[in-house]
């Protein structure tokens, strides 16, 4: 099972989001993390909800949540936001 780790920049960005959208984002990220597996990620890649970022040294992915984009990186059993 994966756990989520928020970088300082993500926490800083969260402070600029209103409470209703922030609740939606945190709930969606938690649900995404709890259900995360290779198959789950592949399904989201197929439907376009996740895209792999090109031209990066690291393997980063972009998760689309309404009008927000969440950038994450997989590291062992953690998702770093």
C-alpha atoms as a PDB file:
ATOM      1  CA  UNK A   1       0.000   0.000   0.000  1.00  0.00           C
ATOM      2  CA  UNK A   2       1.251   3.437  -0.912  1.00  0.00           C
ATOM      3  CA  UNK A   3       1.483   6.422   1.380  1.00  0.00           C
ATOM      4  CA  UNK A   4       1.471  10.077   0.388  1.00  0.00           C
ATOM      5  CA  UNK A   5       4.205  12.579   1.194  1.00  0.00           C
ATOM      6  CA  UNK A   6       3.645  16.288   0.551  1.00  0.00           C
ATOM      7  CA  UNK A   7       6.608  18.456  -0.383  1.00  0.00           C
ATOM      8  CA  UNK A   8       6.877  21.943   1.135  1.00  0.00           C
ATOM      9  CA  UNK A   9       5.931  23.506  -2.213  1.00  0.00           C
ATOM     10  CA  UNK A  10       2.684  21.497  -2.343  1.00  0.00           C
ATOM     11  CA  UNK A  11       1.754  22.570   1.182  1.00  0.00           C
ATOM     12  CA  UNK A  12       2.475  26.166   0.224  1.00  0.00           C
ATOM     13  CA  UNK A  13       0.212  25.822  -2.840  1.00  0.00           C
ATOM     14  CA  UNK A  14      -2.564  24.314  -0.699  1.00  0.00           C
ATOM     15  CA  UNK A  15      -2.625  27.466   1.433  1.00  0.00           C
ATOM     16  CA  UNK A  16      -3.765  29.478  -1.605  1.00  0.00           C
ATOM     17  CA  UNK A  17      -6.751  27.236  -2.371  1.00  0.00           C
ATOM     18  CA  UNK A  18     -10.190  27.852  -0.862  1.00  0.00           C
ATOM     19  CA  UNK A  19     -11.462  25.373   1.729  1.00  0.00           C
ATOM     20  CA  UNK A  20     -14.054  23.541  -0.415  1.00  0.00           C
ATOM     21  CA  UNK A  21     -11.599  22.899  -3.245  1.00  0.00           C
ATOM     22  CA  UNK A  22      -8.869  22.012  -0.764  1.00  0.00           C
ATOM     23  CA  UNK A  23     -11.118  19.386   0.849  1.00  0.00           C
ATOM     24  CA  UNK A  24     -11.921  17.953  -2.594  1.00  0.00           C
ATOM     25  CA  UNK A  25      -8.211  17.823  -3.495  1.00  0.00           C
ATOM     26  CA  UNK A  26      -7.059  16.216  -0.255  1.00  0.00           C
ATOM     27  CA  UNK A  27      -9.904  13.668  -0.311  1.00  0.00           C
ATOM     28  CA  UNK A  28      -9.189  12.824  -3.966  1.00  0.00           C
ATOM     29  CA  UNK A  29      -5.447  12.478  -3.342  1.00  0.00           C
ATOM     30  CA  UNK A  30      -6.112  10.233  -0.341  1.00  0.00           C
ATOM     31  CA  UNK A  31      -8.501   8.052  -2.350  1.00  0.00           C
ATOM     32  CA  UNK A  32      -6.002   7.914  -5.234  1.00  0.00           C
ATOM     33  CA  UNK A  33      -3.215   6.870  -2.851  1.00  0.00           C
ATOM     34  CA  UNK A  34      -5.317   4.234  -1.074  1.00  0.00           C
ATOM     35  CA  UNK A  35      -6.360   2.622  -4.385  1.00  0.00           C
ATOM     36  CA  UNK A  36      -2.994   3.043  -6.095  1.00  0.00           C
ATOM     37  CA  UNK A  37      -1.549   0.039  -7.894  1.00  0.00           C
ATOM     38  CA  UNK A  38       0.067  -0.601 -11.262  1.00  0.00           C
ATOM     39  CA  UNK A  39      -3.290  -1.611 -12.775  1.00  0.00           C
ATOM     40  CA  UNK A  40      -5.075   1.424 -11.281  1.00  0.00           C
ATOM     41  CA  UNK A  41      -2.421   3.750 -12.695  1.00  0.00           C
ATOM     42  CA  UNK A  42      -2.592   2.086 -16.128  1.00  0.00           C
ATOM     43  CA  UNK A  43      -6.374   2.533 -16.226  1.00  0.00           C
ATOM     44  CA  UNK A  44      -6.021   6.247 -15.413  1.00  0.00           C
ATOM     45  CA  UNK A  45      -3.325   6.571 -18.094  1.00  0.00           C
ATOM     46  CA  UNK A  46      -5.687   5.033 -20.673  1.00  0.00           C
ATOM     47  CA  UNK A  47      -8.563   7.406 -19.889  1.00  0.00           C
ATOM     48  CA  UNK A  48      -6.264  10.440 -19.771  1.00  0.00           C
ATOM     49  CA  UNK A  49      -6.635  11.302 -16.109  1.00  0.00           C
ATOM     50  CA  UNK A  50      -2.883  10.758 -15.648  1.00  0.00           C
ATOM     51  CA  UNK A  51      -0.129  11.780 -18.039  1.00  0.00           C
ATOM     52  CA  UNK A  52       3.577  11.124 -17.812  1.00  0.00           C
ATOM     53  CA  UNK A  53       5.572  14.350 -18.016  1.00  0.00           C
ATOM     54  CA  UNK A  54       8.063  14.446 -20.861  1.00  0.00           C
ATOM     55  CA  UNK A  55      11.590  15.837 -20.845  1.00  0.00           C
ATOM     56  CA  UNK A  56      12.176  15.454 -17.131  1.00  0.00           C
ATOM     57  CA  UNK A  57      15.180  13.834 -15.432  1.00  0.00           C
ATOM     58  CA  UNK A  58      12.801  12.230 -12.938  1.00  0.00           C
ATOM     59  CA  UNK A  59       9.781  10.102 -13.759  1.00  0.00           C
ATOM     60  CA  UNK A  60       6.960  12.530 -12.914  1.00  0.00           C
ATOM     61  CA  UNK A  61       3.244  12.185 -13.548  1.00  0.00           C
ATOM     62  CA  UNK A  62       0.406  14.701 -13.722  1.00  0.00           C
ATOM     63  CA  UNK A  63      -2.953  13.779 -12.157  1.00  0.00           C
ATOM     64  CA  UNK A  64      -5.934  15.837 -13.295  1.00  0.00           C
ATOM     65  CA  UNK A  65      -8.486  16.764 -10.612  1.00  0.00           C
ATOM     66  CA  UNK A  66     -11.117  19.185 -11.952  1.00  0.00           C
ATOM     67  CA  UNK A  67      -9.204  22.357 -12.829  1.00  0.00           C
ATOM     68  CA  UNK A  68      -6.218  21.384 -10.680  1.00  0.00           C
ATOM     69  CA  UNK A  69      -3.155  19.379 -11.646  1.00  0.00           C
ATOM     70  CA  UNK A  70      -1.255  17.318  -9.097  1.00  0.00           C
ATOM     71  CA  UNK A  71       2.330  16.412  -9.962  1.00  0.00           C
ATOM     72  CA  UNK A  72       3.556  13.247  -8.285  1.00  0.00           C
ATOM     73  CA  UNK A  73       6.531  10.922  -8.267  1.00  0.00           C
ATOM     74  CA  UNK A  74       6.576   7.250  -7.286  1.00  0.00           C
ATOM     75  CA  UNK A  75       9.298   6.307  -4.840  1.00  0.00           C
ATOM     76  CA  UNK A  76       9.244   2.765  -3.443  1.00  0.00           C
ATOM     77  CA  UNK A  77       5.889   2.646  -1.585  1.00  0.00           C
ATOM     78  CA  UNK A  78       5.355   6.423  -1.447  1.00  0.00           C
ATOM     79  CA  UNK A  79       3.748   8.958  -3.729  1.00  0.00           C
ATOM     80  CA  UNK A  80       5.509  12.309  -3.406  1.00  0.00           C
ATOM     81  CA  UNK A  81       3.264  15.265  -4.260  1.00  0.00           C
END
